[in-house]
Amino acid sequence: MNLVELQRALRQLRLGGMAAVLEPRLLEAQSERVTPIDLISTLVSDELTRRSDRLLERRTKDAEFRTATRPSTPSISTSTRR
């Protein structure tokens, strides 16, 4: 299986985070002589981080937080006249 086929398979397995960083991680592993278990651990960690980030983005969007400035509060008259 070549790199393109592996990335396609990862996406099919819904591991898009791994697929996105696979090539740079493989190059890093080759240049730094990373052990296979460390490479796999890094790829899994990347996938978990991506999922966590996407979940936070989705929940923030679903919460519909107001991003505009708050309307000014009505002024309270301090006058003692009646």
N, C-alpha and C. Protein backbone atom coordinates (compact mmCIF):
# COMPACT_ATOMS: atom_id res chain seq x y z
N MET A 1 0.87 -1.17 0.00
CA MET A 1 0.00 0.00 0.00
C MET A 1 0.91 1.23 0.00
N ASN A 2 0.66 2.14 -0.93
CA ASN A 2 1.46 3.36 -0.95
C ASN A 2 0.83 4.44 -0.07
N LEU A 3 1.47 5.60 -0.02
CA LEU A 3 1.02 6.67 0.88
C LEU A 3 -0.39 7.15 0.54
N VAL A 4 -0.68 7.34 -0.72
CA VAL A 4 -2.01 7.82 -1.13
C VAL A 4 -3.08 6.81 -0.75
N GLU A 5 -2.82 5.56 -0.99
CA GLU A 5 -3.79 4.51 -0.65
C GLU A 5 -3.98 4.43 0.87
N LEU A 6 -2.90 4.59 1.61
CA LEU A 6 -2.99 4.55 3.07
C LEU A 6 -3.81 5.73 3.59
N GLN A 7 -3.57 6.91 3.04
CA GLN A 7 -4.35 8.08 3.45
C GLN A 7 -5.83 7.89 3.12
N ARG A 8 -6.12 7.35 1.95
CA ARG A 8 -7.50 7.09 1.56
C ARG A 8 -8.15 6.09 2.53
N ALA A 9 -7.41 5.05 2.89
CA ALA A 9 -7.94 4.04 3.81
C ALA A 9 -8.18 4.65 5.19
N LEU A 10 -7.28 5.50 5.64
CA LEU A 10 -7.46 6.14 6.94
C LEU A 10 -8.72 7.02 6.94
N ARG A 11 -8.94 7.73 5.86
CA ARG A 11 -10.15 8.57 5.76
C ARG A 11 -11.41 7.70 5.71
N GLN A 12 -11.31 6.58 5.01
CA GLN A 12 -12.46 5.67 4.95
C GLN A 12 -12.78 5.12 6.33
N LEU A 13 -11.75 4.94 7.15
CA LEU A 13 -11.95 4.48 8.53
C LEU A 13 -12.30 5.63 9.47
N ARG A 14 -12.51 6.80 8.88
CA ARG A 14 -12.83 8.02 9.65
C ARG A 14 -11.70 8.42 10.59
N LEU A 15 -10.48 8.31 10.08
CA LEU A 15 -9.29 8.73 10.81
C LEU A 15 -8.62 9.86 10.03
N GLY A 16 -9.41 10.88 9.74
CA GLY A 16 -8.93 12.00 8.94
C GLY A 16 -7.78 12.76 9.57
N GLY A 17 -7.75 12.81 10.90
CA GLY A 17 -6.65 13.47 11.59
C GLY A 17 -5.33 12.78 11.32
N MET A 18 -5.35 11.47 11.35
CA MET A 18 -4.15 10.69 11.05
C MET A 18 -3.76 10.87 9.59
N ALA A 19 -4.74 10.81 8.70
CA ALA A 19 -4.47 10.95 7.27
C ALA A 19 -3.84 12.30 6.96
N ALA A 20 -4.28 13.34 7.65
CA ALA A 20 -3.79 14.69 7.39
C ALA A 20 -2.32 14.87 7.79
N VAL A 21 -1.88 14.18 8.82
CA VAL A 21 -0.51 14.37 9.31
C VAL A 21 0.41 13.19 9.00
N LEU A 22 -0.10 12.20 8.27
CA LEU A 22 0.67 11.00 8.02
C LEU A 22 2.01 11.28 7.33
N GLU A 23 1.98 12.00 6.24
CA GLU A 23 3.22 12.23 5.49
C GLU A 23 4.28 12.98 6.31
N PRO A 24 3.93 14.12 6.94
CA PRO A 24 4.97 14.79 7.74
C PRO A 24 5.46 13.95 8.92
N ARG A 25 4.57 13.17 9.52
CA ARG A 25 4.97 12.31 10.64
C ARG A 25 5.91 11.20 10.17
N LEU A 26 5.65 10.65 8.98
CA LEU A 26 6.54 9.62 8.44
C LEU A 26 7.93 10.19 8.15
N LEU A 27 7.97 11.38 7.57
CA LEU A 27 9.25 12.02 7.30
C LEU A 27 10.01 12.31 8.59
N GLU A 28 9.29 12.77 9.60
CA GLU A 28 9.88 13.03 10.91
C GLU A 28 10.42 11.74 11.51
N ALA A 29 9.65 10.67 11.40
CA ALA A 29 10.06 9.39 11.97
C ALA A 29 11.32 8.86 11.28
N GLN A 30 11.42 9.06 9.97
CA GLN A 30 12.60 8.61 9.24
C GLN A 30 13.83 9.43 9.61
N SER A 31 13.67 10.74 9.73
CA SER A 31 14.83 11.59 10.00
C SER A 31 15.31 11.49 11.45
N GLU A 32 14.40 11.20 12.36
CA GLU A 32 14.76 11.16 13.78
C GLU A 32 14.83 9.73 14.33
N ARG A 33 14.70 8.76 13.45
CA ARG A 33 14.76 7.35 13.85
C ARG A 33 13.79 7.03 15.00
N VAL A 34 12.54 7.38 14.77
CA VAL A 34 11.49 7.14 15.74
C VAL A 34 11.08 5.67 15.67
N THR A 35 10.85 5.07 16.83
CA THR A 35 10.43 3.67 16.86
C THR A 35 8.99 3.55 16.35
N PRO A 36 8.63 2.39 15.80
CA PRO A 36 7.26 2.22 15.28
C PRO A 36 6.18 2.52 16.32
N ILE A 37 6.39 2.08 17.55
CA ILE A 37 5.36 2.33 18.58
C ILE A 37 5.22 3.81 18.88
N ASP A 38 6.34 4.56 18.83
CA ASP A 38 6.27 6.00 19.06
C ASP A 38 5.58 6.70 17.89
N LEU A 39 5.81 6.23 16.67
CA LEU A 39 5.14 6.80 15.51
C LEU A 39 3.63 6.58 15.61
N ILE A 40 3.24 5.37 15.93
CA ILE A 40 1.81 5.07 16.06
C ILE A 40 1.19 5.88 17.19
N SER A 41 1.90 5.99 18.30
CA SER A 41 1.41 6.78 19.43
C SER A 41 1.20 8.23 19.04
N THR A 42 2.13 8.77 18.28
CA THR A 42 2.03 10.16 17.83
C THR A 42 0.85 10.34 16.89
N LEU A 43 0.66 9.40 15.97
CA LEU A 43 -0.47 9.48 15.05
C LEU A 43 -1.80 9.39 15.78
N VAL A 44 -1.89 8.50 16.75
CA VAL A 44 -3.13 8.37 17.54
C VAL A 44 -3.36 9.65 18.34
N SER A 45 -2.30 10.20 18.91
CA SER A 45 -2.42 11.44 19.66
C SER A 45 -2.90 12.58 18.76
N ASP A 46 -2.37 12.65 17.55
CA ASP A 46 -2.82 13.67 16.59
C ASP A 46 -4.30 13.52 16.29
N GLU A 47 -4.75 12.29 16.11
CA GLU A 47 -6.16 12.03 15.82
C GLU A 47 -7.04 12.45 17.00
N LEU A 48 -6.63 12.11 18.20
CA LEU A 48 -7.41 12.48 19.38
C LEU A 48 -7.47 13.99 19.56
N THR A 49 -6.36 14.67 19.31
CA THR A 49 -6.33 16.13 19.42
C THR A 49 -7.27 16.76 18.41
N ARG A 50 -7.23 16.26 17.18
CA ARG A 50 -8.11 16.79 16.13
C ARG A 50 -9.58 16.58 16.50
N ARG A 51 -9.91 15.41 17.00
CA ARG A 51 -11.30 15.15 17.38
C ARG A 51 -11.74 16.05 18.53
N SER A 52 -10.87 16.24 19.50
CA SER A 52 -11.18 17.09 20.63
C SER A 52 -11.39 18.54 20.18
N ASP A 53 -10.52 19.01 19.29
CA ASP A 53 -10.64 20.38 18.78
C ASP A 53 -11.94 20.56 18.00
N ARG A 54 -12.27 19.58 17.17
CA ARG A 54 -13.50 19.67 16.38
C ARG A 54 -14.74 19.62 17.27
N LEU A 55 -14.70 18.82 18.33
CA LEU A 55 -15.81 18.74 19.26
C LEU A 55 -16.02 20.08 19.96
N LEU A 56 -14.93 20.70 20.38
CA LEU A 56 -15.02 22.00 21.03
C LEU A 56 -15.59 23.05 20.07
N GLU A 57 -15.12 23.05 18.82
CA GLU A 57 -15.64 23.98 17.82
C GLU A 57 -17.14 23.77 17.60
N ARG A 58 -17.54 22.52 17.49
CA ARG A 58 -18.95 22.19 17.25
C ARG A 58 -19.81 22.62 18.43
N ARG A 59 -19.35 22.35 19.64
CA ARG A 59 -20.14 22.72 20.82
C ARG A 59 -20.22 24.23 20.99
N THR A 60 -19.14 24.93 20.67
CA THR A 60 -19.15 26.39 20.76
C THR A 60 -20.13 26.95 19.74
N LYS A 61 -20.12 26.40 18.53
CA LYS A 61 -21.05 26.85 17.50
C LYS A 61 -22.49 26.56 17.91
N ASP A 62 -22.73 25.36 18.43
CA ASP A 62 -24.09 24.97 18.84
C ASP A 62 -24.59 25.81 20.01
N ALA A 63 -23.69 26.29 20.84
CA ALA A 63 -24.10 27.09 22.00
C ALA A 63 -24.56 28.48 21.59
N GLU A 64 -24.21 28.90 20.39
CA GLU A 64 -24.61 30.20 19.85
C GLU A 64 -24.28 31.34 20.81
N PHE A 65 -23.04 31.39 21.23
CA PHE A 65 -22.60 32.48 22.10
C PHE A 65 -22.72 33.79 21.36
N ARG A 66 -23.12 34.80 22.10
CA ARG A 66 -23.20 36.13 21.51
C ARG A 66 -21.79 36.68 21.40
N THR A 67 -21.44 37.14 20.21
CA THR A 67 -20.11 37.69 20.03
C THR A 67 -20.15 39.20 19.94
N ALA A 68 -21.32 39.78 19.73
CA ALA A 68 -21.44 41.23 19.65
C ALA A 68 -21.31 41.83 21.04
N THR A 69 -21.03 43.11 21.09
CA THR A 69 -20.92 43.77 22.39
C THR A 69 -22.30 43.83 23.04
N ARG A 70 -22.29 43.84 24.32
CA ARG A 70 -23.56 43.90 25.05
C ARG A 70 -24.19 45.27 24.86
N PRO A 71 -25.50 45.31 24.82
CA PRO A 71 -26.15 46.62 24.72
C PRO A 71 -25.88 47.41 26.00
N SER A 72 -25.82 48.70 25.83
CA SER A 72 -25.53 49.52 27.00
C SER A 72 -26.67 49.40 28.01
N THR A 73 -26.34 49.46 29.27
CA THR A 73 -27.35 49.37 30.32
C THR A 73 -28.05 50.72 30.44
N PRO A 74 -29.33 50.70 30.72
CA PRO A 74 -30.04 51.98 30.85
C PRO A 74 -29.47 52.79 32.00
N SER A 75 -29.39 54.07 31.77
CA SER A 75 -28.84 54.91 32.83
C SER A 75 -29.87 55.08 33.94
N ILE A 76 -29.39 55.13 35.13
CA ILE A 76 -30.24 55.29 36.30
C ILE A 76 -30.14 56.73 36.74
N SER A 77 -31.26 57.35 36.85
CA SER A 77 -31.28 58.75 37.26
C SER A 77 -30.94 58.84 38.74
N THR A 78 -30.01 59.72 39.03
CA THR A 78 -29.64 59.93 40.42
C THR A 78 -30.23 61.21 40.98
N SER A 79 -31.11 61.80 40.19
CA SER A 79 -31.73 63.05 40.62
C SER A 79 -32.70 62.76 41.75
N THR A 80 -32.76 63.65 42.71
CA THR A 80 -33.66 63.47 43.85
C THR A 80 -34.94 64.28 43.68
N ARG A 81 -35.11 64.98 42.57
CA ARG A 81 -36.32 65.75 42.34
C ARG A 81 -37.49 64.82 42.10
N ARG A 82 -38.68 65.25 42.58
CA ARG A 82 -39.89 64.46 42.40
C ARG A 82 -40.92 65.22 41.68
